[in-house]
Amino acid sequence: MAICYDRLFHLMIDKKMSNAQLKEKAGFSANIITRLKRNEYISIESIERICRVMNCGVDDILEFVPEEKREQEE
């Protein structure tokens, strides 16, 4: 299973929030934004911070994608 953060970026567009604003409000480094864009691992603490800032649940910002489906999309 892989994690995809596309839902987060769609939510950010809906709320008119930039990457820099999310970074500042959640209090984490630019490295976390880079990891999100690459669908790489981030800590549960970072996910919790994002959910607080976005006023949403975990399922609103990420989804689990089976490896087979991800490979087909690439």
N, C-alpha and C. Protein backbone atom coordinates (compact mmCIF):
# COMPACT_ATOMS: atom_id res chain seq x y z
N MET A 1 0.83 -1.19 0.00
CA MET A 1 0.00 0.00 0.00
C MET A 1 0.87 1.25 0.00
N ALA A 2 0.42 2.22 -0.71
CA ALA A 2 1.09 3.51 -0.75
C ALA A 2 0.09 4.59 -0.33
N ILE A 3 0.62 5.70 0.09
CA ILE A 3 -0.23 6.81 0.51
C ILE A 3 -0.20 7.88 -0.57
N CYS A 4 -1.36 8.46 -0.82
CA CYS A 4 -1.48 9.53 -1.80
C CYS A 4 -2.12 10.73 -1.10
N TYR A 5 -1.52 11.89 -1.26
CA TYR A 5 -1.99 13.12 -0.60
C TYR A 5 -2.74 14.04 -1.55
N ASP A 6 -3.22 13.53 -2.69
CA ASP A 6 -3.95 14.37 -3.64
C ASP A 6 -5.15 15.05 -3.00
N ARG A 7 -5.82 14.34 -2.10
CA ARG A 7 -6.99 14.93 -1.43
C ARG A 7 -6.62 16.20 -0.68
N LEU A 8 -5.45 16.19 -0.06
CA LEU A 8 -4.99 17.38 0.67
C LEU A 8 -4.85 18.56 -0.28
N PHE A 9 -4.21 18.34 -1.41
CA PHE A 9 -3.97 19.43 -2.34
C PHE A 9 -5.27 19.96 -2.96
N HIS A 10 -6.25 19.06 -3.16
CA HIS A 10 -7.57 19.50 -3.64
C HIS A 10 -8.26 20.34 -2.56
N LEU A 11 -8.15 19.91 -1.31
CA LEU A 11 -8.74 20.65 -0.20
C LEU A 11 -8.09 22.03 -0.05
N MET A 12 -6.79 22.08 -0.23
CA MET A 12 -6.07 23.36 -0.15
C MET A 12 -6.57 24.31 -1.24
N ILE A 13 -6.80 23.79 -2.43
CA ILE A 13 -7.32 24.62 -3.51
C ILE A 13 -8.71 25.14 -3.14
N ASP A 14 -9.56 24.25 -2.62
CA ASP A 14 -10.91 24.64 -2.22
C ASP A 14 -10.89 25.74 -1.16
N LYS A 15 -9.91 25.65 -0.24
CA LYS A 15 -9.82 26.62 0.85
C LYS A 15 -8.88 27.79 0.51
N LYS A 16 -8.41 27.81 -0.74
CA LYS A 16 -7.51 28.87 -1.21
C LYS A 16 -6.30 29.05 -0.29
N MET A 17 -5.67 27.92 0.04
CA MET A 17 -4.51 27.93 0.93
C MET A 17 -3.27 27.51 0.14
N SER A 18 -2.22 28.27 0.25
CA SER A 18 -0.97 27.96 -0.45
C SER A 18 -0.13 26.99 0.39
N ASN A 19 0.88 26.42 -0.25
CA ASN A 19 1.82 25.56 0.46
C ASN A 19 2.50 26.32 1.59
N ALA A 20 2.88 27.56 1.31
CA ALA A 20 3.55 28.38 2.33
C ALA A 20 2.64 28.65 3.52
N GLN A 21 1.36 28.89 3.25
CA GLN A 21 0.41 29.13 4.35
C GLN A 21 0.24 27.88 5.20
N LEU A 22 0.11 26.72 4.55
CA LEU A 22 -0.02 25.47 5.30
C LEU A 22 1.22 25.24 6.16
N LYS A 23 2.37 25.43 5.56
CA LYS A 23 3.64 25.25 6.28
C LYS A 23 3.70 26.14 7.51
N GLU A 24 3.33 27.39 7.34
CA GLU A 24 3.39 28.36 8.44
C GLU A 24 2.36 28.02 9.53
N LYS A 25 1.14 27.76 9.14
CA LYS A 25 0.07 27.50 10.11
C LYS A 25 0.27 26.19 10.86
N ALA A 26 0.80 25.18 10.16
CA ALA A 26 1.02 23.88 10.79
C ALA A 26 2.34 23.83 11.54
N GLY A 27 3.23 24.78 11.25
CA GLY A 27 4.49 24.87 11.97
C GLY A 27 5.49 23.79 11.62
N PHE A 28 5.56 23.44 10.34
CA PHE A 28 6.59 22.49 9.95
C PHE A 28 7.44 23.02 8.80
N SER A 29 8.48 22.28 8.45
CA SER A 29 9.46 22.75 7.47
C SER A 29 8.98 22.54 6.04
N ALA A 30 9.68 23.18 5.12
CA ALA A 30 9.39 23.01 3.69
C ALA A 30 9.60 21.56 3.26
N ASN A 31 10.44 20.84 3.99
CA ASN A 31 10.69 19.44 3.68
C ASN A 31 9.40 18.62 3.74
N ILE A 32 8.52 18.94 4.66
CA ILE A 32 7.25 18.20 4.78
C ILE A 32 6.40 18.43 3.54
N ILE A 33 6.35 19.65 3.05
CA ILE A 33 5.60 19.95 1.83
C ILE A 33 6.17 19.15 0.66
N THR A 34 7.47 19.10 0.56
CA THR A 34 8.13 18.31 -0.50
C THR A 34 7.76 16.84 -0.39
N ARG A 35 7.77 16.31 0.82
CA ARG A 35 7.43 14.90 1.03
C ARG A 35 5.97 14.63 0.66
N LEU A 36 5.09 15.57 0.98
CA LEU A 36 3.68 15.43 0.61
C LEU A 36 3.52 15.39 -0.91
N LYS A 37 4.20 16.28 -1.60
CA LYS A 37 4.12 16.33 -3.06
C LYS A 37 4.61 15.04 -3.70
N ARG A 38 5.57 14.40 -3.06
CA ARG A 38 6.14 13.15 -3.58
C ARG A 38 5.41 11.92 -3.06
N ASN A 39 4.35 12.13 -2.27
CA ASN A 39 3.61 11.02 -1.65
C ASN A 39 4.51 10.13 -0.80
N GLU A 40 5.40 10.77 -0.07
CA GLU A 40 6.32 10.05 0.81
C GLU A 40 5.80 10.08 2.24
N TYR A 41 6.41 9.27 3.09
CA TYR A 41 6.00 9.18 4.48
C TYR A 41 6.18 10.50 5.23
N ILE A 42 5.16 10.88 6.00
CA ILE A 42 5.29 11.94 6.99
C ILE A 42 4.74 11.40 8.29
N SER A 43 5.15 11.97 9.39
CA SER A 43 4.76 11.45 10.70
C SER A 43 3.28 11.68 10.98
N ILE A 44 2.75 10.89 11.88
CA ILE A 44 1.37 11.06 12.33
C ILE A 44 1.20 12.44 12.95
N GLU A 45 2.23 12.92 13.62
CA GLU A 45 2.18 14.25 14.22
C GLU A 45 1.96 15.31 13.15
N SER A 46 2.65 15.19 12.03
CA SER A 46 2.47 16.15 10.93
C SER A 46 1.07 16.03 10.33
N ILE A 47 0.57 14.82 10.19
CA ILE A 47 -0.78 14.61 9.68
C ILE A 47 -1.80 15.25 10.62
N GLU A 48 -1.58 15.08 11.91
CA GLU A 48 -2.48 15.68 12.91
C GLU A 48 -2.46 17.21 12.80
N ARG A 49 -1.29 17.78 12.63
CA ARG A 49 -1.18 19.24 12.49
C ARG A 49 -1.94 19.73 11.27
N ILE A 50 -1.80 19.01 10.16
CA ILE A 50 -2.50 19.38 8.93
C ILE A 50 -4.01 19.32 9.15
N CYS A 51 -4.48 18.28 9.79
CA CYS A 51 -5.91 18.12 10.04
C CYS A 51 -6.45 19.25 10.92
N ARG A 52 -5.68 19.65 11.90
CA ARG A 52 -6.10 20.77 12.76
C ARG A 52 -6.19 22.06 11.96
N VAL A 53 -5.18 22.33 11.16
CA VAL A 53 -5.15 23.56 10.37
C VAL A 53 -6.28 23.57 9.33
N MET A 54 -6.51 22.43 8.70
CA MET A 54 -7.51 22.34 7.64
C MET A 54 -8.91 22.07 8.19
N ASN A 55 -8.99 21.81 9.50
CA ASN A 55 -10.27 21.51 10.14
C ASN A 55 -10.97 20.34 9.43
N CYS A 56 -10.24 19.22 9.36
CA CYS A 56 -10.76 18.06 8.64
C CYS A 56 -10.27 16.77 9.29
N GLY A 57 -10.69 15.66 8.74
CA GLY A 57 -10.24 14.36 9.20
C GLY A 57 -9.14 13.80 8.31
N VAL A 58 -8.52 12.75 8.78
CA VAL A 58 -7.41 12.13 8.04
C VAL A 58 -7.86 11.68 6.64
N ASP A 59 -9.05 11.10 6.55
CA ASP A 59 -9.52 10.62 5.26
C ASP A 59 -9.81 11.75 4.27
N ASP A 60 -9.83 12.99 4.75
CA ASP A 60 -10.02 14.14 3.87
C ASP A 60 -8.72 14.58 3.21
N ILE A 61 -7.57 14.11 3.73
CA ILE A 61 -6.29 14.58 3.18
C ILE A 61 -5.43 13.48 2.58
N LEU A 62 -5.74 12.22 2.88
CA LEU A 62 -4.93 11.15 2.30
C LEU A 62 -5.77 9.94 1.99
N GLU A 63 -5.23 9.10 1.13
CA GLU A 63 -5.87 7.82 0.83
C GLU A 63 -4.78 6.77 0.61
N PHE A 64 -5.16 5.55 0.90
CA PHE A 64 -4.26 4.44 0.67
C PHE A 64 -4.54 3.89 -0.72
N VAL A 65 -3.49 3.74 -1.51
CA VAL A 65 -3.61 3.26 -2.88
C VAL A 65 -2.82 1.97 -3.01
N PRO A 66 -3.48 0.90 -3.48
CA PRO A 66 -2.74 -0.35 -3.69
C PRO A 66 -1.60 -0.13 -4.68
N GLU A 67 -0.49 -0.78 -4.44
CA GLU A 67 0.70 -0.62 -5.30
C GLU A 67 0.38 -0.89 -6.77
N GLU A 68 -0.45 -1.90 -7.05
CA GLU A 68 -0.77 -2.24 -8.44
C GLU A 68 -1.42 -1.08 -9.16
N LYS A 69 -2.37 -0.41 -8.50
CA LYS A 69 -3.06 0.72 -9.10
C LYS A 69 -2.10 1.87 -9.33
N ARG A 70 -1.24 2.12 -8.38
CA ARG A 70 -0.28 3.21 -8.48
C ARG A 70 0.69 2.99 -9.66
N GLU A 71 1.13 1.76 -9.83
CA GLU A 71 2.05 1.44 -10.91
C GLU A 71 1.37 1.62 -12.27
N GLN A 72 0.08 1.30 -12.35
CA GLN A 72 -0.66 1.47 -13.61
C GLN A 72 -0.80 2.94 -13.97
N GLU A 73 -0.95 3.80 -12.97
CA GLU A 73 -1.12 5.23 -13.21
C GLU A 73 0.18 5.88 -13.69
N GLU A 74 1.30 5.31 -13.30
CA GLU A 74 2.60 5.87 -13.69
C GLU A 74 2.93 5.40 -15.06
